[in-house]
Every structure is written in C-alpha cells, then in structure tokens.
Amino acid sequence: MKRTRHGLLLLILWEFKWGLLTAALPRLCFTAFTFAQPFLLDSVIQYIQTPSAKLNPKDGYGILGAYILVYVGLGVSESCYQHLTYRTITLMRGCLVPFIYEKTLSMDVNMAEESAPLTLMSADIEKVAFGMRYMHEAWGNIIEIALTLWLLYRELNYGGLSPILIAIVCGAAAAAMAPAVGHRQATWVKAIQNRLDITTYMIDSMKSLKFEGLTPWFSDFVQSLRIQEIGYANKFRSFLIYAVSLSFGTSVISPVVGFAVFVALSKSNNGPSLTTQRAMTTLSLFTVLQTPMSSILQAVPNLISAFGSLERIHDFLKTENPRDRGYIGPFRSSQTLRASMEDLVDEKLKQDDHSNIATARDWSVGWERDRDAVIKSVTFNITPSSLTVITGPTGCGKSTLLTGLRREMPFEQGYLTCRHSAAAFCSQNPWLQNGTIMSNIIGPSSYDARWYRQALARALYSRQPLLLLDDIFSGFDSETEQLVIARLFSEGGFCQRENITTVLATHSARVVSFADHIIRLDSKGGLSEKEGSLLSSSTKPSMSDLQTEMIMNDKRNSRQSNLEVPPELAAQLETAEANRISGDVSVYGYYLTIVGRLNSVLFFFAVTVFTFCLTFPNVWVQRWAAANEKRPNENLGLYMGVAPLSFFHSTDSGVITNKFSQDMQLVDMELPLALVETSVALTLCIAQLLIVFITGKYVAALTPVCVILIYFLQKFYLRTSRQLRFMELEAKSPLYSNFMETVNGLVTIRAFGWQSSFLEHIFELTDASQRPYYLLFVIQRWLTLVLDMVVAGMATLIVGIAVGAHGSIGAGSAGLGLLNIISLGESLKQLISNWTVLETSIGAVSRVKNFQGDVKPEDDPTKHYSAPDDWPYRGEIDFFSVSASYNANRQPVLSNVSLSIAAGEKLLFRLLEVDDGLITIDGVDISTISAQQIRSSLSCLPQEATVLPGTIRQNVDPLGLVPDQDIAVALKEVGLWEIASTRLGGLDGQIQEDRFSQGQKQLLRLAAAMLRKSRVVVLDEATSSVDLETDALMQRLIRTAFASCTVIAVVHRLHTILDFDKVVVIENGRIVECGKPNELLNNNGLFHQLYSKNGEAGEISR
C-alpha cells in the first residue's frame, strides 16, 4: 500500500472487486431499459397516428407488454445495482474506520491534537461513502451520453450535437471556476472548524469565564467568527450559484438550440419538418439525456473528492510512528553517542537493569525539534518499589519529564531506558470517558470485586508495576490529600504492599516526607538537585500512625451488572422526543419565522416559477410541433423566446436560496439544500402529474387513488426512515465520542497498554453503527422499487387506453403524458428522499427552539437592571439573612448568614447564588444589578484558570482598555514578561494553551485581575494549582496590588490567610466562628482545630 500514491484505493478496489463487478451487470441492464423508452414512445405515437383500418391489434398488445417489461425492468435493475453498490460501500466503511482508529492509537500526540484522525473519521469517510455511490454512474453515464447523442443526431441531424457543445462550454466555465471554488470551500470549512473549536473551548471553560465576567467578550468573539464564517460561506455560494446555473444550462438550453438548428437547416435545405412524432421522440431523448448529464457532473467531482479523501487516509496510515511505545532497552541519540560508546553503555545497562526501573543520562526532551529542549541533559535513576518526587518552580517542565518517560515527546536526545512497557498514569487534567464511575476505573480490565473495593482509582486498579502521577493533588483539600498520601505512600501503604514504583510530579510539600528520591528541576529545565534515599523506610510515617486520621469504609456495593449505565445517561441515549415518529409541524413555522416572511414568500414564488419554466417547454414544443405540421417552420422566433426565461429563473432560484441561507444563522448546509430540493421536487411532481392527468383524460379518474397511495407510502416510509435515521445518528454518536475520547486520552491509553482492548471496542461500535446505516440504504432501495412500480402502472394505464381506445387520446397528448412519466418516477423518489432529509435536518431547528424556550436567562428579562457610575466605589459588603445554594433543588450551602465586610478587609469566604436574603455592595442591592454587570465590576480569579484563544494582550486586556506599558508592567510583576517577549514575540503573540503550565495560566489571570482595577477582589482557591514559590509570589502581589481592595478568598494554605482581617468558619451552612485569625486561634474552636490538624503541612481545608 505504501509504494503508490493511490495504494489504499487500489487495495479497496481489489478487496471488493467481486461486489463491484456483480453490480455492473444490473447497471448495464438499467442502461438498456432506459434507452428502450424513446423507442417505445416512438412506437406508441406511430401506432396512434396509424389509421384504424391499418391497425394490427397484436402490435398494440405487443407495445403494451413491452412497456410493462421495460418499466418493471427499470425498477428492478436500478434497485438491484444500487443495493449491491451500497452494500459494498457499507463494507468499505466498516474497514476504513478501524484502519484509522488503529493508526490513531500509535500516532504522535501532537498530530492527534490537530484533529487529523477526527477529520478523517468523520468528514473524509463520509466523502468516500458519498463519492463511491457514483462508482458505476461514471462509466454508465458515459455510455448513456454517447448513445443519446447518436440517437439525437439521427433525429435532429447537427442539431442533435448541441448538448455536447453546450456541455463543453459549461464544463470549461466550471473547470475555470474549480480552483477558486475549492479554495473558497476550504477557507469556509476552516472558518467553521475554528469557530467550533473556540465554541467548544468556551463551553468547557464556562464556569471560569462567568466567574471573571468574560462571557460577553467571548460571545462577541464567537459571533464575530460566525459573521466571518458567513462571509466565507457567501463567497463560496456565489460560485455555487454559477455552478448550478451552468448545470441547468445543458438541460434547459440544449433542446431549444437543438430544435432551432434542426428547424433552421430544414427551412434552408427544404428538409423534413418538425412533426409530433419527431418532437416527442426527441424530447424523450433530451429527457433521458438530462439524468446522465447531471449525474456525471455530480459523479466526477464527488469521485475526485472521494479519491482525495482516500489519499489523505492513505497518507495518514503510512506515516511513520515516532517510535515503538513501551520501548524496552536504551534509546540512543545519534547526535550524542558514537557506535563504540553505545556498546559500552549497553553493557553497563544490562548490569543495571536488575536494579533500576528507569535510567536517564544526559537526557533532553522538548515539544518541537527546532526549539530549545524543555528538559535539558538530566541524569537520574528510578529504583524498584520506590517513590520518586519531581519538584520545581512553575513552568520548569515537571509534566514534560513525565511525558518523556512515557516516550510521547516529539523531540528526544540523549539516553533513556525503561524496563516496563506499560505504566499506570494519572494526569493533572484527568481523562474521563462517558460512562459509569466503575467503567472509568477498571477500563478494559477484568472485574475483581476485592480490588475494586480496595482502590477506587483507575491507575491503582490496573495494578501496573510503574505508576506515573502528574500533580494529582492540585485542587485537593487538605484532608483528602492527607488521606490519599497516607493510603498510597506510607509505611505499609498500597504502593509498598504491591511493590509499585511511583514517579510523582507535584508542588505539595506534604508528600516529600514519604519520598525515597527527589528530582528537583530548576526554572530552565535542568537538574537542580537530586537526593537519593532521602528517608529510610524506618523513618517514614506508617499506616498505623495515620490510621486515626482517616475515615475508612471498606464496605462497597457488589457489582450489580456489567458496567450499568446510570438512568440519567440512559435517558439521554434513549431519545425521548415525543415527535420522533410523526415530527413537529410547528418547527417549520419557527424556521420560516427566523428566515423572514418576505424571504419565504420570494423563495416559494421562485421555486414555483422555476418549476413552471422547467415543465412548460414540453407542452410548448408539443403545440409547436402540432402547428408545424399545418404551417411548417413559421413563427420560429415566438417559440424560441421561452428558453432564456427558464435559465434566468434557475439562476434566480439560486440567488434567493443564497439570500435565504444568509438570513438564517441556525443551519448552514443540509437544511437549506434539503428545503430547496424538497420544494422543487414537490412542485415538479405536481406539475408532471397535472400534465399526465390532463393529457391522459381517463387517467385523471385515478387521481384520488394516486394521491391516497402516495400519501400512505410516504407516511410509512417517513416513519420508518426517520426512525432509522435517528438510530443511525445515535449509533454514530458513541463511535465519534469514542474517537474524541481516544484522541484526548491517547497518552493515558498507551501508558496503560490498553490499545488492543480499545481496538476491539471500536470494532463493536463500528458494527453497531453499520446496522442502521445499511438498513437505511435498504429501505431507500425499497422506496425506489415501489415508486418505479407506481410509475410503471401509470405508464401502462396510459398506453393501455391509447391502444385499447384508439383515437381517444391524440398522439401529441399521449406523447406528452408518457414523456412526463419518464421523469415522474425520478421526481417522486427525489421528493420522498429529500423530504426525509428535511425532516431529519429540521430536528436541529427543533432543538434550537426547545433550547430557546427551556433555558432561562440569569436575569429576569422583565426587570430593569442598573448600577451607579463607578460602582463599587468603596467595597463595603453586607449579608442580611442570606441563604444560597448551587442549585434550586438542592439543600442550601449557606443558611441564614448575616455578615458585614468593611471596605479594604480581606476575608476567607465564598459567593454563591442567593436563594433568600439580601447582599449589598456599597449599599446597593446586587439583585437590582444584572449578573454580568456584577461580574464585570469585580476582579475575580477562579480555581481553574482559562487561557483565552488569541494573543497575550487579549488575555490580560480583553476589552482593549489598558495601555501597552501597563500590560508589560503587570506581566513583569507576575514573571511572564520574558515568556511573552521572547517565546511568543510580544503582546501580539498567539498563545498555545497546552504550552502553559497550570501555574503560568494562573499567573496570567492574576495579571488580568490586577489590570482591572476593581474595588472588590474574589479569589476562589486561586493558588491551589501552583507550587509554594509561585504561591508566595501570588500572595505578595495580592497584598500589594489589592492593598486597598476588599478581598474575599477561598484558600487551602494556612499561611495565606493568617494576615487576613477576618475569617469566617461555616459548618452545615451556618456561621460558627467569625473574627480575626489570631483571635480565633486562641479560642479552642473549629478554626483552631483545623489549624492544629494541618498547620505543620502548611495547608488548611475549606
């Protein structure tokens, strides 16, 4: 597969050759039956025009039998070859998904973060599946076009060559536009992806954004991206209008030009005139030609797109893995070690392997090959069953070192060997899958009730001999941290009992007393200090010493079932929409209201005019031919004047469609297209049926029967197909979610060695998604067959009347009716299939409608909110009998709390949503001020720092109100100016969120809070994710920059609040102590107990 550019395409064609070849035979039969229609029409007209005296009844019955055979054959052969084609497509899809997933499991992490596998899995596989639908249309259409042009030449002489000439002109124009169309489409898709990425990031960070009052800025930013995206979409759609116009040019202009050339030549050469028989036969050929001409215009670009997607998948599959995961033995850098030295080092390592889990010598790692390494020339040993603690200042590379131990870094230099191929791993930002707590803990491991009771954590449950932990205590309260450390690392703790080697990156001081080795990194990623055997096992705190401080509960519920899904999650997976089967008609009204009445009226008017201009020329030609038989070649210009009108209205319809899509900003692609195609198909069916009933006379009596039949057919089909479509979407959702979860947790999966289990799981999900995917194709083929049989019945009825009641239907009328029947079947199929897509797509609007009605805004829209100028101006805060909770349905967290905070005081506390009572700031009731205005008037620093997408300047000053020199001063004070000026290139340098440590993110948000200049500052565990050195820097800045401000803080570390003006201690939602820290410490109260319990560790719980 790697030898050629199209290796994957050739491989697929070879593997599925029999399925492809099997479908070729019914496709040829379909072509034969298609070209029998013009000859049958010619025979019917000739039979009708024959005088009754010369008629042979057997000829009429033969024509009737031929019509039954041809139209039944059309339905059967089309359904058969399409069924075989879609069956092969389903098999291809089932192979490509696991191919991509298996490669994803071994790919470079940085490449995974670029969403390459997600794009291949979703967009590219869909393009392959959609494009491969035309694999038999391409060669079949070429045969049909060639045969049609030959038959047209027989009927119209050189006039029959007009379609090919017009197609060449339109094709050349389309080819000239193709590069621009591709570029504009790529730009649009890129803009969509950018907006979706930022929107997803905004949703994930909503808590922090609301806390800092940044949601309006972020909303405006996303809206600006949306407007920019619409601009790119309009540029693409302007070309799309031209493409649609060109595609209609061939079908609309060709008959007019063909007849014009034929009539002109006949008039000048005294040749045969345009008779009804010739006109109807020729129109049937033009009708037959429309399908392959339009189909090949779709087939070629879609096949090219499919081949391009296969090529991208092929390039992805053949990319070399960075290196084998779980590599046992030394990694050597050719830049640092010579061959002779390698032999000596290998020999030495063989001697050390029995004593060391991992050994590094002059080892350097980094995120980019052309940048300086983050970890530089470090040397260390990790011994079995030991606890190695990695410490250092914020941003020194602790997490990078752990990533390097897992062999996940793109740049590596020096020497590293690791004995174990898999390791238990827990990152600073835990990776969680959608599912139960149990499924997240045990992963693909077999269930063991004893282990599950003993260790409720994924890393411990895996029982790997090597445990890698990346700052797992960040955000823990003191009691929880002490409990976890004691259970894991104390004398007789879990890791010692199981002989687990642990490497822990942390800024916690408490765990140091349990460490066997310490690796301290300096600010530049070098080895600052290494202490071996810091404490002997006899000096470590024992499990029994800490037993009294723990709350042990070994009683766990036994496993009820194999990874049961919670009722709430199951309810989400089981779509509970009442309108799932029958749909919701009111959504259409909601959608059209958003579009606007004027745009809706213009749209449907344009569709009606377009349909009239598309179908009426057939009637016009029939009258022309009838008149021409009496007065040959007269009034030529009168009949020619209709052609530009239909072409103009085809373009105008596209313009209105484009206007339609501009006005609505809810759905961009599938819904507008489905609405247009459904509307056109509906009006076409009505127009064609009217012509058939009018020209068929007695056939009109069957109108009620046809309407009832089509109604029950669409009702049955829509109910079934909609259900299957929902089932397909539901089955795809876990597949896509699993892909996203795998990309996000790639490091964890490889660290645990779970690749094979996850690959087996993706096979199960792929099989589950294939069932509704394939069944939807099956029911579509059933619909095709049934509709073809309905059309066959109508054609048989018209021919039967013409043959049985000779003379009751004129030749022109019969020909016009049968001519419309040729295209009626396709119109009916397009109507119902597009209607199904429309019903499915309108579900997006229904969800938006429900969201708009169900989600209540933070502020009452009926009230007027306002705040005084320069509020808050002092910072005095008063609580009057306040009760507050996180949710209206939960127990209050604060109950009847009354408290006064003077301006400039610093207080240990927390703010919640108020359920009852009154809170005032500087005498102003905050319930009279909007929630956003309150947040924007305060300086808030949340526990989870959010890095805004964009530049350094946008992060610290989103509103653009602060001068550059003030921004530079703030960045210098928090220690980030060197990074901003050198690594990022100044204030306008783009920030990469994953290149900032948690501590650096928090410092960046502190700089933003300092620049806001508010009189009230709220700190929500702002220093819980930073090391002690960074904590000291932040505390100093808080006391200097916010010296005159009222500070309300939630903290963990005790020393950070000893100089606060007031401490409020809350138990069970009520204030139990309130006063200065020193006074409370002298009392034997709850605050004194907390201090006594945790004071030596330097931390305090909430």
Foldseek 3Di string as FASTA:
>chain_A
DPPDLLVLVVVLCVVCVVLLVVLLVLLVLLLVLLVVLLVLLLLLLVQLPDDPVPDDLVSLVVSLVSLLVSLLSNLVSVLVSLLSQLVSLLVVLLVLLLLLQLLLLQAFLVVLVVVLSLCLNPVLSVLLSVLSSCVSLQVSLVVLLVVLLVVLCVLQPVLSCLLVVLLVVLVVVLVVCVVVLVVLVVVLVVLVVVLVVQVVQCVVCVVVCLLQLNVVLSVVVSVVSLVVSLVSVLSNLVVVLSNLLSLVCSLQVSVLSSLVSSQVVCVVVVHDFQALSSLLSNLLSSVSSSVSSSSNVVNVVSNVSNSVSSSSSVVSSPDDRLDDWLDAAKDADPVPDDPVVVVVVRVVVVVCVVFFQKWFAQKFFCQDPPDDTLAGGETDTFGWLFEEEEEEAFLSQLVVVLCVLRVNHNDMHGMMGGHTRFAFEAECPGQAAPADLVCRQCPLHDDDQQLCLLDSHNRVSLLDQEYEYEANQQPPFPLVVVQVLLQDQAAVHDSNVSRHGYYYYHQFPVNVLRGQKYFYGYNRNYTPDIDHGPDDNVRGHHSVNCVVSDDDDSDDDDDPDDRDGDPVVVCVLPDPDPCLQPFDPVLVVVLVVLLPPVLVVVLLVLLLQLLCLSQCLLVLSLVVNVVCVVVNSPPSVVSSVSSVSNSVSSSVNSVSLSSSQSSDSQDHPLQSVLVSLLSNLVSNLVVLVVLLCVQLVVVVVCVVVVVVVLVVVLSVLLSVLSVLVVQLVSLVVVLSSLSVSCSVCSSSCSNSVVSVVSSVVNSVSSVSNSVSVSVSSVSLSVSLSVLSVVLSVSLSVSSCCCSVVRPPGRSSSSSSSSSSSSCSSVSSSSNSVSVSSNSNVSVSSVVVVCCVVPDDDQADPVAAADDDPPPPPFFKKWWAQWWFCQDPPDHTLAGGETDIDGFQFEEADDDGDTPDTFMDTNNHTCSRHGSSVVSLQEQEQASFFDANWFFLCCLLPVPPPDDQVLLLVLCVLLVCNVCQCPVQPHRRRTDDVVSGGRLRSLSSSLSSSLVSPHQEYEYEQSCSSGRPVSVVSSLVCCCVSNSRHYYYYHHWFPVSCLPGQKYFDDDSNYTPDMGHNVVVCVDPDPSVVQCVVCVVSRTGGD
